[in-house]
Amino acid sequence: MKLNTVASKEGYTWIRQGIWLFKQNPLGFLMLVFLYVFAAQLAVIIPVIGVFAVLLLTPTLSVGFMTACRQAIQKERIRPMVYLIALQGTPIVRKRILQLGIVYAAMILSLSFILSMLVDFDVILPLLTGDKPITPEVINQLYLILFYGCLLYVPVAMLMWFSPVLVAWANMPVGQALFSSAVACWANKGAFIFYVAIWGGILAAIPLSIGSILDALNLGQVASFIIAPLSMAALTVMHCSFFATWKGCFAEKESATLIA
């Protein structure tokens, strides 16, 4: 497994490749993302255990989606059971991918604990429940949550970005996979900053632009019916582009290629 260093402009190329990959099997990819969102919403209904289960299985599901990307390139059919392919591998891979899930859950729970000490969640309850008018203090706390949350999640994202695939496909131990993922992200930080900035703009611009246009036309009540499917499609393309980041940062022996 060879680590590549790419130019910053590759961040845009990864998004183009994600769009190309999505076009290979749009219904299959949309099905996978819908199943994940639906299952996650059901899981969080179960206090504590549900959230932990989602975090524990996140690396497994990540490998499943990346495998689906491979299948789409090879013109194979995408099935829901692809999500469990990492658990159907060798015992050592199954053990490591679950260990990685425990590490991820521990990092997210630790991040949540640290975040709770930095901001006052009680202040933003009116925003979540709608019981009281939204005050400037509430908006300020919301911005603090977004700022600190993103700042704290960056190292977690670097550790977890490639580690599930490195465990499942490169047969790396958990510690080595986490380290290699962080090194790959740091070595290509320019491309990742460009990549994340573009996706941030896209995911924010879609609902805001459509919502503003429909509000101007007095059609605000239909906004959700338009924004929801478009946002789901954009989210799916973004997941497809994850595979492009993998192909860009790591040279694989297989011959499958993406568009430039």
C-alpha atoms as a PDB file:
ATOM      1  CA  MET A   1       0.000   0.000   0.000  1.00  0.00           C
ATOM      2  CA  LYS A   2       1.646   3.210  -1.223  1.00  0.00           C
ATOM      3  CA  LEU A   3       0.793   6.664   0.083  1.00  0.00           C
ATOM      4  CA  ASN A   4       0.443   9.349  -2.582  1.00  0.00           C
ATOM      5  CA  THR A   5       0.853  13.088  -2.130  1.00  0.00           C
ATOM      6  CA  VAL A   6      -1.441  15.102  -4.393  1.00  0.00           C
ATOM      7  CA  ALA A   7      -1.864  18.772  -5.270  1.00  0.00           C
ATOM      8  CA  SER A   8      -4.507  20.925  -3.584  1.00  0.00           C
ATOM      9  CA  LYS A   9      -6.563  21.073  -6.784  1.00  0.00           C
ATOM     10  CA  GLU A  10      -7.197  17.343  -6.466  1.00  0.00           C
ATOM     11  CA  GLY A  11      -9.848  18.204  -3.870  1.00  0.00           C
ATOM     12  CA  TYR A  12     -12.030  19.409  -6.749  1.00  0.00           C
ATOM     13  CA  THR A  13     -11.123  16.381  -8.848  1.00  0.00           C
ATOM     14  CA  TRP A  14     -12.299  14.051  -6.083  1.00  0.00           C
ATOM     15  CA  ILE A  15     -15.720  15.696  -6.191  1.00  0.00           C
ATOM     16  CA  ARG A  16     -15.903  15.321  -9.979  1.00  0.00           C
ATOM     17  CA  GLN A  17     -14.953  11.670  -9.602  1.00  0.00           C
ATOM     18  CA  GLY A  18     -17.613  11.256  -6.929  1.00  0.00           C
ATOM     19  CA  ILE A  19     -20.233  12.602  -9.359  1.00  0.00           C
ATOM     20  CA  TRP A  20     -18.999  10.211 -12.051  1.00  0.00           C
ATOM     21  CA  LEU A  21     -19.129   7.283  -9.641  1.00  0.00           C
ATOM     22  CA  PHE A  22     -22.641   8.193  -8.500  1.00  0.00           C
ATOM     23  CA  LYS A  23     -23.803   8.130 -12.120  1.00  0.00           C
ATOM     24  CA  GLN A  24     -22.670   4.499 -12.444  1.00  0.00           C
ATOM     25  CA  ASN A  25     -25.456   3.325 -10.124  1.00  0.00           C
ATOM     26  CA  PRO A  26     -27.491   6.221  -8.662  1.00  0.00           C
ATOM     27  CA  LEU A  27     -30.355   4.082  -7.391  1.00  0.00           C
ATOM     28  CA  GLY A  28     -28.009   1.640  -5.665  1.00  0.00           C
ATOM     29  CA  PHE A  29     -26.094   4.388  -3.876  1.00  0.00           C
ATOM     30  CA  LEU A  30     -29.248   6.286  -2.907  1.00  0.00           C
ATOM     31  CA  MET A  31     -30.639   3.055  -1.454  1.00  0.00           C
ATOM     32  CA  LEU A  32     -27.538   2.564   0.706  1.00  0.00           C
ATOM     33  CA  VAL A  33     -27.573   6.127   2.072  1.00  0.00           C
ATOM     34  CA  PHE A  34     -31.328   5.976   2.718  1.00  0.00           C
ATOM     35  CA  LEU A  35     -30.932   2.685   4.591  1.00  0.00           C
ATOM     36  CA  TYR A  36     -28.159   4.165   6.735  1.00  0.00           C
ATOM     37  CA  VAL A  37     -30.148   7.304   7.591  1.00  0.00           C
ATOM     38  CA  PHE A  38     -33.275   5.268   8.312  1.00  0.00           C
ATOM     39  CA  ALA A  39     -31.424   2.765  10.511  1.00  0.00           C
ATOM     40  CA  ALA A  40     -29.616   5.552  12.379  1.00  0.00           C
ATOM     41  CA  GLN A  41     -32.893   7.340  13.112  1.00  0.00           C
ATOM     42  CA  LEU A  42     -34.392   4.114  14.447  1.00  0.00           C
ATOM     43  CA  ALA A  43     -31.302   3.383  16.539  1.00  0.00           C
ATOM     44  CA  VAL A  44     -31.248   6.732  18.318  1.00  0.00           C
ATOM     45  CA  ILE A  45     -34.749   6.042  19.612  1.00  0.00           C
ATOM     46  CA  ILE A  46     -33.145   3.483  21.926  1.00  0.00           C
ATOM     47  CA  PRO A  47     -31.437   5.505  24.699  1.00  0.00           C
ATOM     48  CA  VAL A  48     -27.629   5.164  24.923  1.00  0.00           C
ATOM     49  CA  ILE A  49     -27.467   1.670  23.404  1.00  0.00           C
ATOM     50  CA  GLY A  50     -28.822   2.804  20.045  1.00  0.00           C
ATOM     51  CA  VAL A  51     -26.312   5.618  19.664  1.00  0.00           C
ATOM     52  CA  PHE A  52     -23.428   3.383  20.758  1.00  0.00           C
ATOM     53  CA  ALA A  53     -24.503   0.710  18.247  1.00  0.00           C
ATOM     54  CA  VAL A  54     -24.446   3.249  15.400  1.00  0.00           C
ATOM     55  CA  LEU A  55     -20.971   4.456  16.409  1.00  0.00           C
ATOM     56  CA  LEU A  56     -19.710   0.899  16.835  1.00  0.00           C
ATOM     57  CA  LEU A  57     -20.860  -0.119  13.358  1.00  0.00           C
ATOM     58  CA  THR A  58     -19.776   3.067  11.570  1.00  0.00           C
ATOM     59  CA  PRO A  59     -16.406   1.606  10.386  1.00  0.00           C
ATOM     60  CA  THR A  60     -18.206  -1.533   9.208  1.00  0.00           C
ATOM     61  CA  LEU A  61     -20.739   0.497   7.239  1.00  0.00           C
ATOM     62  CA  SER A  62     -17.939   2.630   5.808  1.00  0.00           C
ATOM     63  CA  VAL A  63     -16.208  -0.446   4.406  1.00  0.00           C
ATOM     64  CA  GLY A  64     -19.541  -1.597   2.998  1.00  0.00           C
ATOM     65  CA  PHE A  65     -20.132   1.644   1.112  1.00  0.00           C
ATOM     66  CA  MET A  66     -16.572   1.707  -0.218  1.00  0.00           C
ATOM     67  CA  THR A  67     -17.029  -1.865  -1.399  1.00  0.00           C
ATOM     68  CA  ALA A  68     -20.218  -0.779  -3.171  1.00  0.00           C
ATOM     69  CA  CYS A  69     -18.155   1.868  -4.973  1.00  0.00           C
ATOM     70  CA  ARG A  70     -15.840  -0.860  -6.205  1.00  0.00           C
ATOM     71  CA  GLN A  71     -18.824  -2.884  -7.341  1.00  0.00           C
ATOM     72  CA  ALA A  72     -20.271   0.071  -9.246  1.00  0.00           C
ATOM     73  CA  ILE A  73     -16.997   0.576 -11.103  1.00  0.00           C
ATOM     74  CA  GLN A  74     -16.975  -3.113 -12.003  1.00  0.00           C
ATOM     75  CA  LYS A  75     -20.642  -2.893 -13.127  1.00  0.00           C
ATOM     76  CA  GLU A  76     -21.765  -5.264 -10.396  1.00  0.00           C
ATOM     77  CA  ARG A  77     -25.133  -5.060  -8.675  1.00  0.00           C
ATOM     78  CA  ILE A  78     -25.228  -3.225  -5.338  1.00  0.00           C
ATOM     79  CA  ARG A  79     -27.153  -4.999  -2.596  1.00  0.00           C
ATOM     80  CA  PRO A  80     -27.988  -3.844   0.956  1.00  0.00           C
ATOM     81  CA  MET A  81     -25.992  -6.725   2.471  1.00  0.00           C
ATOM     82  CA  VAL A  82     -22.801  -5.104   1.174  1.00  0.00           C
ATOM     83  CA  TYR A  83     -22.877  -3.107   4.413  1.00  0.00           C
ATOM     84  CA  LEU A  84     -21.987  -6.265   6.339  1.00  0.00           C
ATOM     85  CA  ILE A  85     -19.169  -7.439   4.087  1.00  0.00           C
ATOM     86  CA  ALA A  86     -16.465  -6.489   6.608  1.00  0.00           C
ATOM     87  CA  LEU A  87     -18.108  -8.744   9.213  1.00  0.00           C
ATOM     88  CA  GLN A  88     -18.192 -11.603   6.717  1.00  0.00           C
ATOM     89  CA  GLY A  89     -14.437 -11.559   6.204  1.00  0.00           C
ATOM     90  CA  THR A  90     -11.728 -13.343   8.141  1.00  0.00           C
ATOM     91  CA  PRO A  91     -12.023 -13.492  11.948  1.00  0.00           C
ATOM     92  CA  ILE A  92      -9.050 -11.144  12.364  1.00  0.00           C
ATOM     93  CA  VAL A  93     -10.606  -8.495  10.090  1.00  0.00           C
ATOM     94  CA  ARG A  94     -13.951  -8.839  11.851  1.00  0.00           C
ATOM     95  CA  LYS A  95     -12.260  -8.428  15.225  1.00  0.00           C
ATOM     96  CA  ARG A  96     -10.240  -5.400  14.121  1.00  0.00           C
ATOM     97  CA  ILE A  97     -13.166  -3.611  12.461  1.00  0.00           C
ATOM     98  CA  LEU A  98     -15.211  -3.974  15.657  1.00  0.00           C
ATOM     99  CA  GLN A  99     -12.250  -2.782  17.725  1.00  0.00           C
ATOM    100  CA  LEU A 100     -12.042   0.228  15.427  1.00  0.00           C
ATOM    101  CA  GLY A 101     -15.732   0.829  16.064  1.00  0.00           C
ATOM    102  CA  ILE A 102     -15.107   0.847  19.809  1.00  0.00           C
ATOM    103  CA  VAL A 103     -12.255   3.328  19.338  1.00  0.00           C
ATOM    104  CA  TYR A 104     -14.493   5.568  17.221  1.00  0.00           C
ATOM    105  CA  ALA A 105     -17.332   5.412  19.757  1.00  0.00           C
ATOM    106  CA  ALA A 106     -14.901   6.300  22.551  1.00  0.00           C
ATOM    107  CA  MET A 107     -13.548   9.282  20.593  1.00  0.00           C
ATOM    108  CA  ILE A 108     -17.016  10.626  19.785  1.00  0.00           C
ATOM    109  CA  LEU A 109     -18.230  10.230  23.366  1.00  0.00           C
ATOM    110  CA  SER A 110     -15.071  11.959  24.627  1.00  0.00           C
ATOM    111  CA  LEU A 111     -15.579  14.736  22.093  1.00  0.00           C
ATOM    112  CA  SER A 112     -19.184  15.166  23.260  1.00  0.00           C
ATOM    113  CA  PHE A 113     -18.050  15.373  26.888  1.00  0.00           C
ATOM    114  CA  ILE A 114     -15.430  18.015  26.092  1.00  0.00           C
ATOM    115  CA  LEU A 115     -17.946  19.969  24.020  1.00  0.00           C
ATOM    116  CA  SER A 116     -20.430  19.943  26.899  1.00  0.00           C
ATOM    117  CA  MET A 117     -17.822  21.683  29.066  1.00  0.00           C
ATOM    118  CA  LEU A 118     -17.145  24.368  26.464  1.00  0.00           C
ATOM    119  CA  VAL A 119     -20.730  25.418  25.692  1.00  0.00           C
ATOM    120  CA  ASP A 120     -24.009  25.651  27.574  1.00  0.00           C
ATOM    121  CA  PHE A 121     -26.426  23.221  25.932  1.00  0.00           C
ATOM    122  CA  ASP A 122     -29.259  24.364  28.205  1.00  0.00           C
ATOM    123  CA  VAL A 123     -29.213  27.736  26.491  1.00  0.00           C
ATOM    124  CA  ILE A 124     -29.960  26.247  23.056  1.00  0.00           C
ATOM    125  CA  LEU A 125     -32.898  24.120  24.203  1.00  0.00           C
ATOM    126  CA  PRO A 126     -35.368  26.785  22.998  1.00  0.00           C
ATOM    127  CA  LEU A 127     -33.905  26.342  19.502  1.00  0.00           C
ATOM    128  CA  LEU A 128     -34.479  22.584  19.661  1.00  0.00           C
ATOM    129  CA  THR A 129     -37.925  22.609  21.282  1.00  0.00           C
ATOM    130  CA  GLY A 130     -39.333  25.865  19.989  1.00  0.00           C
ATOM    131  CA  ASP A 131     -40.787  26.594  23.420  1.00  0.00           C
ATOM    132  CA  LYS A 132     -39.252  30.060  23.767  1.00  0.00           C
ATOM    133  CA  PRO A 133     -38.174  32.860  21.425  1.00  0.00           C
ATOM    134  CA  ILE A 134     -34.675  32.517  20.027  1.00  0.00           C
ATOM    135  CA  THR A 135     -32.361  35.073  21.646  1.00  0.00           C
ATOM    136  CA  PRO A 136     -28.936  36.368  20.581  1.00  0.00           C
ATOM    137  CA  GLU A 137     -27.444  34.289  23.397  1.00  0.00           C
ATOM    138  CA  VAL A 138     -28.946  31.142  21.870  1.00  0.00           C
ATOM    139  CA  ILE A 139     -27.507  31.981  18.445  1.00  0.00           C
ATOM    140  CA  ASN A 140     -24.119  32.690  20.009  1.00  0.00           C
ATOM    141  CA  GLN A 141     -24.082  29.319  21.772  1.00  0.00           C
ATOM    142  CA  LEU A 142     -25.104  27.610  18.550  1.00  0.00           C
ATOM    143  CA  TYR A 143     -22.174  29.166  16.703  1.00  0.00           C
ATOM    144  CA  LEU A 144     -19.869  28.102  19.532  1.00  0.00           C
ATOM    145  CA  ILE A 145     -21.122  24.524  19.278  1.00  0.00           C
ATOM    146  CA  LEU A 146     -20.520  24.481  15.523  1.00  0.00           C
ATOM    147  CA  PHE A 147     -17.060  26.032  15.893  1.00  0.00           C
ATOM    148  CA  TYR A 148     -15.816  23.834  18.733  1.00  0.00           C
ATOM    149  CA  GLY A 149     -17.529  20.752  17.298  1.00  0.00           C
ATOM    150  CA  CYS A 150     -15.801  21.120  13.941  1.00  0.00           C
ATOM    151  CA  LEU A 151     -12.479  21.943  15.593  1.00  0.00           C
ATOM    152  CA  LEU A 152     -12.613  18.905  17.866  1.00  0.00           C
ATOM    153  CA  TYR A 153     -13.808  16.570  15.121  1.00  0.00           C
ATOM    154  CA  VAL A 154     -10.915  17.318  12.740  1.00  0.00           C
ATOM    155  CA  PRO A 155      -8.403  14.959  14.447  1.00  0.00           C
ATOM    156  CA  VAL A 156     -11.115  12.292  14.768  1.00  0.00           C
ATOM    157  CA  ALA A 157     -11.894  12.601  11.054  1.00  0.00           C
ATOM    158  CA  MET A 158      -8.213  12.335  10.155  1.00  0.00           C
ATOM    159  CA  LEU A 159      -7.822   9.155  12.191  1.00  0.00           C
ATOM    160  CA  MET A 160     -10.998   7.557  10.860  1.00  0.00           C
ATOM    161  CA  TRP A 161     -11.048   8.701   7.227  1.00  0.00           C
ATOM    162  CA  PHE A 162      -9.134   5.753   5.775  1.00  0.00           C
ATOM    163  CA  SER A 163      -8.668   3.448   8.761  1.00  0.00           C
ATOM    164  CA  PRO A 164     -11.743   1.204   8.157  1.00  0.00           C
ATOM    165  CA  VAL A 165     -10.591   0.467   4.599  1.00  0.00           C
ATOM    166  CA  LEU A 166      -6.981   0.006   5.686  1.00  0.00           C
ATOM    167  CA  VAL A 167      -8.129  -2.570   8.244  1.00  0.00           C
ATOM    168  CA  ALA A 168     -10.424  -4.406   5.816  1.00  0.00           C
ATOM    169  CA  TRP A 169      -8.495  -4.141   2.552  1.00  0.00           C
ATOM    170  CA  ALA A 170      -4.853  -3.695   3.606  1.00  0.00           C
ATOM    171  CA  ASN A 171      -5.086  -6.033   6.624  1.00  0.00           C
ATOM    172  CA  MET A 172      -3.571  -3.427   8.936  1.00  0.00           C
ATOM    173  CA  PRO A 173      -3.822  -3.600  12.742  1.00  0.00           C
ATOM    174  CA  VAL A 174      -6.057  -0.946  14.262  1.00  0.00           C
ATOM    175  CA  GLY A 175      -3.240   1.241  15.588  1.00  0.00           C
ATOM    176  CA  GLN A 176      -1.333   1.204  12.298  1.00  0.00           C
ATOM    177  CA  ALA A 177      -4.503   1.937  10.322  1.00  0.00           C
ATOM    178  CA  LEU A 178      -5.342   4.948  12.491  1.00  0.00           C
ATOM    179  CA  PHE A 179      -1.803   6.282  12.192  1.00  0.00           C
ATOM    180  CA  SER A 180      -1.655   5.726   8.424  1.00  0.00           C
ATOM    181  CA  SER A 181      -5.016   7.443   7.932  1.00  0.00           C
ATOM    182  CA  ALA A 182      -3.888  10.504   9.882  1.00  0.00           C
ATOM    183  CA  VAL A 183      -0.595  10.647   7.966  1.00  0.00           C
ATOM    184  CA  ALA A 184      -2.408  10.391   4.620  1.00  0.00           C
ATOM    185  CA  CYS A 185      -4.789  13.215   5.527  1.00  0.00           C
ATOM    186  CA  TRP A 186      -1.964  15.423   6.791  1.00  0.00           C
ATOM    187  CA  ALA A 187       0.219  14.748   3.750  1.00  0.00           C
ATOM    188  CA  ASN A 188      -2.670  15.836   1.519  1.00  0.00           C
ATOM    189  CA  LYS A 189      -4.118  18.521   3.795  1.00  0.00           C
ATOM    190  CA  GLY A 190      -4.270  21.099   0.993  1.00  0.00           C
ATOM    191  CA  ALA A 191      -6.485  18.856  -1.133  1.00  0.00           C
ATOM    192  CA  PHE A 192      -8.664  17.936   1.847  1.00  0.00           C
ATOM    193  CA  ILE A 193      -9.146  21.578   2.888  1.00  0.00           C
ATOM    194  CA  PHE A 194     -10.215  22.426  -0.676  1.00  0.00           C
ATOM    195  CA  TYR A 195     -12.440  19.322  -0.786  1.00  0.00           C
ATOM    196  CA  VAL A 196     -14.174  20.037   2.543  1.00  0.00           C
ATOM    197  CA  ALA A 197     -14.620  23.734   1.693  1.00  0.00           C
ATOM    198  CA  ILE A 198     -16.371  22.906  -1.587  1.00  0.00           C
ATOM    199  CA  TRP A 199     -18.660  20.342   0.027  1.00  0.00           C
ATOM    200  CA  GLY A 200     -19.447  22.707   2.881  1.00  0.00           C
ATOM    201  CA  GLY A 201     -20.454  25.354   0.373  1.00  0.00           C
ATOM    202  CA  ILE A 202     -22.553  22.943  -1.679  1.00  0.00           C
ATOM    203  CA  LEU A 203     -24.426  21.444   1.258  1.00  0.00           C
ATOM    204  CA  ALA A 204     -25.130  24.891   2.703  1.00  0.00           C
ATOM    205  CA  ALA A 205     -25.963  26.577  -0.612  1.00  0.00           C
ATOM    206  CA  ILE A 206     -28.548  24.019  -1.749  1.00  0.00           C
ATOM    207  CA  PRO A 207     -31.088  24.464   1.075  1.00  0.00           C
ATOM    208  CA  LEU A 208     -30.431  28.191   1.543  1.00  0.00           C
ATOM    209  CA  SER A 209     -30.775  29.080  -2.149  1.00  0.00           C
ATOM    210  CA  ILE A 210     -33.859  26.960  -2.766  1.00  0.00           C
ATOM    211  CA  GLY A 211     -35.460  28.086   0.486  1.00  0.00           C
ATOM    212  CA  SER A 212     -34.886  31.756  -0.340  1.00  0.00           C
ATOM    213  CA  ILE A 213     -36.291  31.410  -3.856  1.00  0.00           C
ATOM    214  CA  LEU A 214     -39.403  29.567  -2.688  1.00  0.00           C
ATOM    215  CA  ASP A 215     -39.953  32.052   0.141  1.00  0.00           C
ATOM    216  CA  ALA A 216     -39.811  34.883  -2.370  1.00  0.00           C
ATOM    217  CA  LEU A 217     -42.468  33.085  -4.409  1.00  0.00           C
ATOM    218  CA  ASN A 218     -44.599  32.452  -1.297  1.00  0.00           C
ATOM    219  CA  LEU A 219     -44.017  28.728  -1.701  1.00  0.00           C
ATOM    220  CA  GLY A 220     -42.060  28.158   1.505  1.00  0.00           C
ATOM    221  CA  GLN A 221     -44.355  25.307   2.533  1.00  0.00           C
ATOM    222  CA  VAL A 222     -43.142  23.126  -0.343  1.00  0.00           C
ATOM    223  CA  ALA A 223     -39.452  23.786   0.313  1.00  0.00           C
ATOM    224  CA  SER A 224     -38.901  20.598   2.305  1.00  0.00           C
ATOM    225  CA  PHE A 225     -40.303  18.471  -0.526  1.00  0.00           C
ATOM    226  CA  ILE A 226     -37.647  19.848  -2.857  1.00  0.00           C
ATOM    227  CA  ILE A 227     -34.719  20.377  -0.500  1.00  0.00           C
ATOM    228  CA  ALA A 228     -34.884  16.913   1.125  1.00  0.00           C
ATOM    229  CA  PRO A 229     -34.349  14.827  -2.060  1.00  0.00           C
ATOM    230  CA  LEU A 230     -31.723  17.204  -3.426  1.00  0.00           C
ATOM    231  CA  SER A 231     -29.835  17.179  -0.138  1.00  0.00           C
ATOM    232  CA  MET A 232     -30.041  13.368  -0.058  1.00  0.00           C
ATOM    233  CA  ALA A 233     -28.604  13.218  -3.577  1.00  0.00           C
ATOM    234  CA  ALA A 234     -25.790  15.621  -2.654  1.00  0.00           C
ATOM    235  CA  LEU A 235     -25.032  13.593   0.486  1.00  0.00           C
ATOM    236  CA  THR A 236     -24.866  10.422  -1.605  1.00  0.00           C
ATOM    237  CA  VAL A 237     -22.491  11.984  -4.127  1.00  0.00           C
ATOM    238  CA  MET A 238     -20.325  13.126  -1.226  1.00  0.00           C
ATOM    239  CA  HIS A 239     -20.139   9.546   0.070  1.00  0.00           C
ATOM    240  CA  CYS A 240     -19.153   8.382  -3.416  1.00  0.00           C
ATOM    241  CA  SER A 241     -16.380  10.964  -3.456  1.00  0.00           C
ATOM    242  CA  PHE A 242     -14.909   9.330  -0.332  1.00  0.00           C
ATOM    243  CA  PHE A 243     -13.822   6.491  -2.597  1.00  0.00           C
ATOM    244  CA  ALA A 244     -12.130   9.027  -4.878  1.00  0.00           C
ATOM    245  CA  THR A 245     -10.103  10.330  -1.919  1.00  0.00           C
ATOM    246  CA  TRP A 246      -9.000   6.762  -1.225  1.00  0.00           C
ATOM    247  CA  LYS A 247      -7.928   6.211  -4.831  1.00  0.00           C
ATOM    248  CA  GLY A 248      -6.133   9.546  -4.826  1.00  0.00           C
ATOM    249  CA  CYS A 249      -4.200   9.063  -1.581  1.00  0.00           C
ATOM    250  CA  PHE A 250      -3.389   5.365  -1.832  1.00  0.00           C
ATOM    251  CA  ALA A 251      -2.094   3.466  -4.860  1.00  0.00           C
ATOM    252  CA  GLU A 252      -3.912   0.141  -5.139  1.00  0.00           C
ATOM    253  CA  LYS A 253      -2.816  -2.900  -7.066  1.00  0.00           C
ATOM    254  CA  GLU A 254      -6.196  -3.311  -8.734  1.00  0.00           C
ATOM    255  CA  SER A 255      -6.679  -1.703 -12.131  1.00  0.00           C
ATOM    256  CA  ALA A 256     -10.037  -0.007 -11.527  1.00  0.00           C
ATOM    257  CA  THR A 257      -9.727   3.704 -12.311  1.00  0.00           C
ATOM    258  CA  LEU A 258     -11.873   6.796 -12.062  1.00  0.00           C
ATOM    259  CA  ILE A 259     -12.162   9.698 -14.434  1.00  0.00           C
ATOM    260  CA  ALA A 260      -9.574  12.476 -14.111  1.00  0.00           C
END
